[in-house]
Each structure stands twice: as C-alpha cells, then as structure tokens.
C-alpha cells in the first residue's frame, strides 16, 4: 500500500503546548507498536518520540522542531515533568513511559517474534559495546545492522541505503538532541521502517559507559538529577526545567481565567 494512504491509528493524547502526548500506559504502548509492526502493510512508518520537558521547551523556541514533534506518530511521556504537567492541567496520562524501558520491552518482544533490529547512534566504541551486550541478553534477537551516529548530511544517503538493505522492523536512533528527531522525521518515508524511535543516551547506558539512575531516584522522579551528576555539562540544558514549570502554571491560569469569563 502506498504510504500516503496508509492509516494513522488514533492514540488518546493530551496536548501540552499543542504537542500531542500519549495517554497510554507502557503495556498499551507496547501492544500498539506491536500491531504497527505486525500490520506494516496498512500502517505508515511510525516515528516514536520519547519526550521530556527540555524537548518541549526546545519546540516552543523553534518552529521547525515543534513541527517535527507535532507530526510524530507517537509521543510518549518519557520525562517525569510531562507526567506532572498532564496531571496539573487536568488531563493525566496513565503513567510515565520511559524510552529506555520501552526499548527493552520492544527488544524482548522482538526476540519472541523474530523481529529484525537496527542500531544507529553514539560513538563506534559505544554502539559496538551496546550491540554486544544486547546480543548477550537477547540471544535470539536478530540485530541486522549497527553503526555509529557520527555522520553528516553528506553520508545520509549511504546510511539510509544500508538500513533499507537490512529491512529492520525496529530502528533505534541515539544521536544528539538537535539531530535525532529531525533526522528520523526527514527520512521517515524513505527509510520505511515500521517503528523508528529516538533513544537518546540509551546506548551509553546499555554499553556500560553510563549508569542508569537507581530505582529510588526514578521513583522520586529525580533521574534527570542523577544524569546531571554523571554529565555536569548538561547543567545549561537543565535550566529549561524550571521554565517549563512556570509556563505550565501560567498556561493553566490563563485557561482558568478564560473559562471564568465564559461562565460570567
């Protein structure tokens, strides 16, 4: 079926500054993406965005980036801040759906169902180590391609051709925040992979280069702080977090005022 006529399934969402964030829980998200892969002939190639407040703030400051977010097929609330924001404005999501955990569950299901996987991103050493560790954990998983994310536009055609030859069911991309989602968006139809997901620094964690935050950090919604301790250079980016909170509070107040005027 031509991609232009392939259907786009309806996903329950909450709009945070016009960005549609999925309200599905982890299990529902996993089942939804499974159906996309298993019925690839009737579903368009899906771009999955694992969103956090920093990405939302970046979208508010960049129209092109916001357009990429708005046109994604599925945006999951990876950041705890998005879960809070949805609840604060009165349209809560089912739960936080972290990109790292969703990736692990997709790989686990992929091993069971015989899906093919392509890994793209990070440095040559990190992506090789990540692949090795994944093969140790998922012994029956078919990893059909693996390459680093250090390439420019002049190599895009070569990278795309390699992915197309491999015909993966899942493409995980871990590149810089400025290039990851825009790159997938730009080449989504050309790549033709059923599910393509940006995974940020997941390859660094899988490879052992970085440690994931302990469970109690995650329960307290402080995973961002743990990562900051490991990578202090992220401090400047983290300044977007309080700005996000202020914007959400202001947006709710504006909505309440508008509703009050309507009632009066």
Protein backbone atom coordinates (compact mmCIF):
# COMPACT_ATOMS: atom_id res chain seq x y z
CA UNK A 1 0.00 0.00 0.00
CA UNK A 2 1.22 3.49 -0.76
CA UNK A 3 2.43 5.27 2.39
CA UNK A 4 0.21 8.24 1.67
CA UNK A 5 -2.86 6.03 2.04
CA UNK A 6 -1.54 4.01 4.98
CA UNK A 7 -3.65 4.65 8.04
CA UNK A 8 -2.63 6.56 11.12
CA UNK A 9 -4.16 4.99 14.19
CA UNK A 10 -5.90 7.18 16.73
CA UNK A 11 -3.98 7.38 20.01
CA UNK A 12 -5.52 9.01 23.13
CA UNK A 13 -3.44 12.12 23.84
CA UNK A 14 -3.17 15.21 25.97
CA UNK A 15 -1.92 18.36 24.25
CA UNK A 16 0.88 20.16 26.05
CA UNK A 17 1.53 23.39 24.15
CA UNK A 18 -0.04 21.76 21.06
CA UNK A 19 2.26 18.74 21.30
CA UNK A 20 0.16 15.53 21.46
CA UNK A 21 1.49 13.33 24.28
CA UNK A 22 0.18 9.77 24.51
CA UNK A 23 -2.01 8.87 27.49
CA UNK A 24 -1.44 5.13 27.07
CA UNK A 25 0.40 3.12 29.70
CA UNK A 26 3.50 1.05 28.98
CA UNK A 27 1.62 -2.16 28.21
CA UNK A 28 -0.79 -0.42 25.85
CA UNK A 29 2.09 1.35 24.12
CA UNK A 30 3.94 -1.91 23.63
CA UNK A 31 0.84 -3.60 22.19
CA UNK A 32 0.16 -0.63 19.93
CA UNK A 33 3.66 -0.67 18.45
CA UNK A 34 3.46 -4.45 18.08
CA UNK A 35 0.33 -4.03 15.97
CA UNK A 36 2.12 -1.42 13.84
CA UNK A 37 4.96 -3.85 13.09
CA UNK A 38 2.72 -6.85 12.51
CA UNK A 39 0.46 -4.95 10.09
CA UNK A 40 3.12 -2.92 8.32
CA UNK A 41 1.23 -3.02 5.04
CA UNK A 42 -1.63 -0.97 6.49
CA UNK A 43 0.36 1.32 8.81
CA UNK A 44 2.66 4.13 7.78
CA UNK A 45 6.25 4.04 9.09
CA UNK A 46 6.00 5.22 12.69
CA UNK A 47 8.23 7.77 14.36
CA UNK A 48 8.20 7.40 18.14
CA UNK A 49 9.39 10.34 20.21
CA UNK A 50 10.34 9.83 23.86
CA UNK A 51 9.62 13.34 25.05
CA UNK A 52 10.69 15.32 28.10
CA UNK A 53 10.22 18.96 29.21
CA UNK A 54 13.54 20.04 27.67
CA UNK A 55 12.34 18.84 24.26
CA UNK A 56 9.00 20.61 24.71
CA UNK A 57 10.77 23.87 25.59
CA UNK A 58 13.03 23.45 22.56
CA UNK A 59 9.89 23.05 20.43
CA UNK A 60 8.45 26.28 21.83
CA UNK A 61 11.63 28.10 20.81
CA UNK A 62 11.96 26.53 17.35
CA UNK A 63 9.06 26.30 14.90
CA UNK A 64 10.78 23.63 12.73
CA UNK A 65 11.47 21.45 15.77
CA UNK A 66 7.91 21.89 17.01
CA UNK A 67 6.65 20.83 13.58
CA UNK A 68 8.71 17.64 13.85
CA UNK A 69 7.17 16.90 17.26
CA UNK A 70 3.63 17.63 16.11
CA UNK A 71 3.96 15.32 13.12
CA UNK A 72 5.40 12.37 15.06
CA UNK A 73 3.18 9.29 15.06
CA UNK A 74 3.57 8.63 18.78
CA UNK A 75 4.98 10.80 21.57
CA UNK A 76 5.39 9.03 24.90
CA UNK A 77 5.84 10.86 28.23
CA UNK A 78 9.42 9.86 28.97
CA UNK A 79 10.12 12.78 31.31
CA UNK A 80 8.55 12.92 34.77
CA UNK A 81 7.85 16.59 34.13
CA UNK A 82 5.41 15.73 31.35
CA UNK A 83 3.56 13.32 33.62
CA UNK A 84 3.25 16.09 36.22
CA UNK A 85 2.17 18.66 33.62
CA UNK A 86 -0.57 16.44 32.21
CA UNK A 87 -1.97 15.84 35.68
CA UNK A 88 -1.66 19.50 36.65
CA UNK A 89 -3.72 20.70 33.69
CA UNK A 90 -6.37 18.09 34.42
CA UNK A 91 -5.69 15.52 31.69
CA UNK A 92 -3.43 12.91 33.32
CA UNK A 93 -1.56 10.25 31.40
CA UNK A 94 -1.76 6.64 32.56
CA UNK A 95 1.87 6.55 33.66
CA UNK A 96 5.39 7.54 32.72
CA UNK A 97 6.56 5.60 29.66
CA UNK A 98 10.35 5.81 29.69
CA UNK A 99 12.14 5.39 26.40
CA UNK A 100 14.78 3.13 27.93
CA UNK A 101 12.22 0.69 29.36
CA UNK A 102 10.08 0.79 26.20
CA UNK A 103 13.16 -0.05 24.15
CA UNK A 104 13.95 -3.04 26.38
CA UNK A 105 10.38 -4.33 26.13
CA UNK A 106 10.37 -3.94 22.34
CA UNK A 107 13.63 -5.87 22.14
CA UNK A 108 12.22 -8.59 24.38
CA UNK A 109 9.12 -8.90 22.24
CA UNK A 110 11.21 -8.70 19.11
CA UNK A 111 13.22 -11.69 20.26
CA UNK A 112 10.00 -13.65 20.76
CA UNK A 113 8.51 -12.66 17.42
CA UNK A 114 11.62 -12.77 15.26
CA UNK A 115 11.78 -9.05 14.51
CA UNK A 116 14.87 -7.54 12.94
CA UNK A 117 16.60 -4.63 14.69
CA UNK A 118 18.98 -1.90 13.53
CA UNK A 119 21.04 0.19 15.98
CA UNK A 120 22.18 3.66 14.93
CA UNK A 121 23.98 6.19 17.07
CA UNK A 122 26.62 7.02 19.69
CA UNK A 123 30.36 6.54 19.08
CA UNK A 124 31.79 3.50 17.26
CA UNK A 125 33.04 2.03 20.55
CA UNK A 126 29.79 2.60 22.43
CA UNK A 127 27.46 1.24 19.75
CA UNK A 128 29.65 -1.86 19.32
CA UNK A 129 29.61 -2.48 23.07
CA UNK A 130 25.84 -1.89 23.20
CA UNK A 131 25.28 -4.40 20.43
CA UNK A 132 27.47 -6.96 22.19
CA UNK A 133 25.59 -6.59 25.46
CA UNK A 134 22.19 -6.79 23.78
CA UNK A 135 23.21 -9.98 22.00
CA UNK A 136 24.25 -11.45 25.34
CA UNK A 137 20.90 -10.59 26.91
CA UNK A 138 18.65 -11.32 23.92
CA UNK A 139 20.38 -14.33 22.41
CA UNK A 140 17.73 -14.96 19.75
CA UNK A 141 17.39 -11.32 18.72
CA UNK A 142 18.34 -10.58 15.12
CA UNK A 143 20.40 -7.39 15.02
CA UNK A 144 20.72 -6.80 11.28
CA UNK A 145 22.68 -3.55 11.38
CA UNK A 146 24.76 -1.39 13.66
CA UNK A 147 26.67 1.83 13.06
CA UNK A 148 27.71 4.94 14.94
CA UNK A 149 25.88 8.25 14.77
CA UNK A 150 28.83 10.40 13.81
CA UNK A 151 27.98 11.25 10.23
CA UNK A 152 26.90 14.38 8.39
CA UNK A 153 24.35 15.07 5.70
CA UNK A 154 26.85 14.02 3.04
CA UNK A 155 26.59 10.44 4.38
CA UNK A 156 22.83 10.31 4.91
CA UNK A 157 22.18 8.52 1.61
CA UNK A 158 24.75 5.85 2.47
CA UNK A 159 23.29 5.27 5.93
CA UNK A 160 19.72 5.14 4.58
CA UNK A 161 20.72 2.65 1.88
CA UNK A 162 22.31 0.37 4.48
CA UNK A 163 19.18 0.46 6.65
CA UNK A 164 16.92 -0.23 3.69
CA UNK A 165 19.06 -3.22 2.68
CA UNK A 166 18.77 -4.64 6.20
CA UNK A 167 14.94 -4.27 6.22
CA UNK A 168 14.60 -3.95 10.01
CA UNK A 169 11.32 -3.92 11.87
CA UNK A 170 12.77 -1.65 14.55
CA UNK A 171 15.24 1.21 14.16
CA UNK A 172 16.68 2.74 17.34
CA UNK A 173 18.46 6.05 16.87
CA UNK A 174 20.66 7.60 19.53
CA UNK A 175 22.10 10.92 18.35
CA UNK A 176 22.26 14.47 19.68
CA UNK A 177 19.01 16.16 20.69
CA UNK A 178 19.32 18.58 17.78
CA UNK A 179 19.61 15.89 15.10
CA UNK A 180 17.86 12.77 16.39
CA UNK A 181 14.15 13.54 15.90
CA UNK A 182 14.64 15.85 12.88
CA UNK A 183 16.73 13.16 11.13
CA UNK A 184 14.11 10.46 11.63
CA UNK A 185 11.35 12.85 10.57
CA UNK A 186 13.19 13.93 7.44
CA UNK A 187 13.80 10.38 6.20
CA UNK A 188 10.87 8.50 7.76
CA UNK A 189 9.17 7.57 4.50
CA UNK A 190 12.44 6.86 2.70
CA UNK A 191 13.63 4.58 5.49
CA UNK A 192 10.31 2.72 5.53
CA UNK A 193 10.95 1.05 8.90
CA UNK A 194 7.71 0.16 10.74
CA UNK A 195 8.89 1.62 14.05
CA UNK A 196 11.69 4.20 14.40
CA UNK A 197 12.45 5.52 17.86
CA UNK A 198 14.88 8.09 19.21
CA UNK A 199 16.58 6.64 22.29
CA UNK A 200 18.90 9.47 23.34
CA UNK A 201 21.69 8.23 25.59
CA UNK A 202 20.31 4.69 25.96
CA UNK A 203 23.25 3.19 24.09
CA UNK A 204 25.62 4.79 26.61
CA UNK A 205 23.74 3.06 29.43
CA UNK A 206 23.43 -0.28 27.63
CA UNK A 207 27.15 -0.27 26.78
CA UNK A 208 28.11 0.42 30.39
CA UNK A 209 29.59 3.84 29.67
CA UNK A 210 26.96 5.44 31.92
CA UNK A 211 24.91 4.02 34.77
CA UNK A 212 21.16 4.31 34.90
CA UNK A 213 19.71 6.03 37.94
CA UNK A 214 18.93 3.69 40.86
CA UNK A 215 15.28 2.72 41.30
CA UNK A 216 14.74 5.09 44.23
CA UNK A 217 15.97 8.03 42.13
CA UNK A 218 13.45 7.07 39.47
CA UNK A 219 10.63 6.71 41.98
CA UNK A 220 11.36 10.20 43.27
CA UNK A 221 11.38 11.46 39.66
CA UNK A 222 15.00 12.56 40.03
CA UNK A 223 16.50 10.56 37.18
CA UNK A 224 17.40 13.84 35.48
CA UNK A 225 19.46 14.85 38.55
CA UNK A 226 21.34 11.55 38.60
CA UNK A 227 22.22 12.01 34.94
CA UNK A 228 23.38 15.56 35.66
CA UNK A 229 25.75 14.19 38.31
CA UNK A 230 27.31 11.93 35.67
CA UNK A 231 27.32 14.58 32.95
CA UNK A 232 27.68 18.06 34.53
CA UNK A 233 27.85 19.63 31.07
CA UNK A 234 24.08 19.15 30.89
CA UNK A 235 23.53 21.85 33.54
CA UNK A 236 22.78 24.53 30.98
CA UNK A 237 20.13 22.40 29.29
CA UNK A 238 18.52 21.69 32.66
CA UNK A 239 17.67 25.39 33.02
CA UNK A 240 14.72 24.62 30.76
CA UNK A 241 13.06 22.59 33.53
CA UNK A 242 12.01 25.47 35.83
CA UNK A 243 10.99 27.47 32.75
CA UNK A 244 8.72 24.58 31.74
CA UNK A 245 7.07 24.53 35.16
CA UNK A 246 6.44 28.27 35.04
CA UNK A 247 4.95 28.02 31.54
CA UNK A 248 2.62 25.20 32.57
CA UNK A 249 1.39 27.08 35.65
CA UNK A 250 0.83 30.23 33.59
CA UNK A 251 -0.99 28.29 30.88
CA UNK A 252 -3.37 26.76 33.43
CA UNK A 253 -4.09 30.15 34.99
CA UNK A 254 -4.86 31.61 31.57
CA UNK A 255 -7.22 28.75 30.81
CA UNK A 256 -8.99 29.18 34.14
CA UNK A 257 -9.45 32.91 33.53
CA UNK A 258 -10.85 32.23 30.07
CA UNK A 259 -13.28 29.68 31.49
CA UNK A 260 -14.37 32.10 34.23
CA UNK A 261 -15.09 34.81 31.66
CA UNK A 262 -17.18 32.33 29.69
CA UNK A 263 -19.20 31.46 32.79
CA UNK A 264 -19.76 35.13 33.61
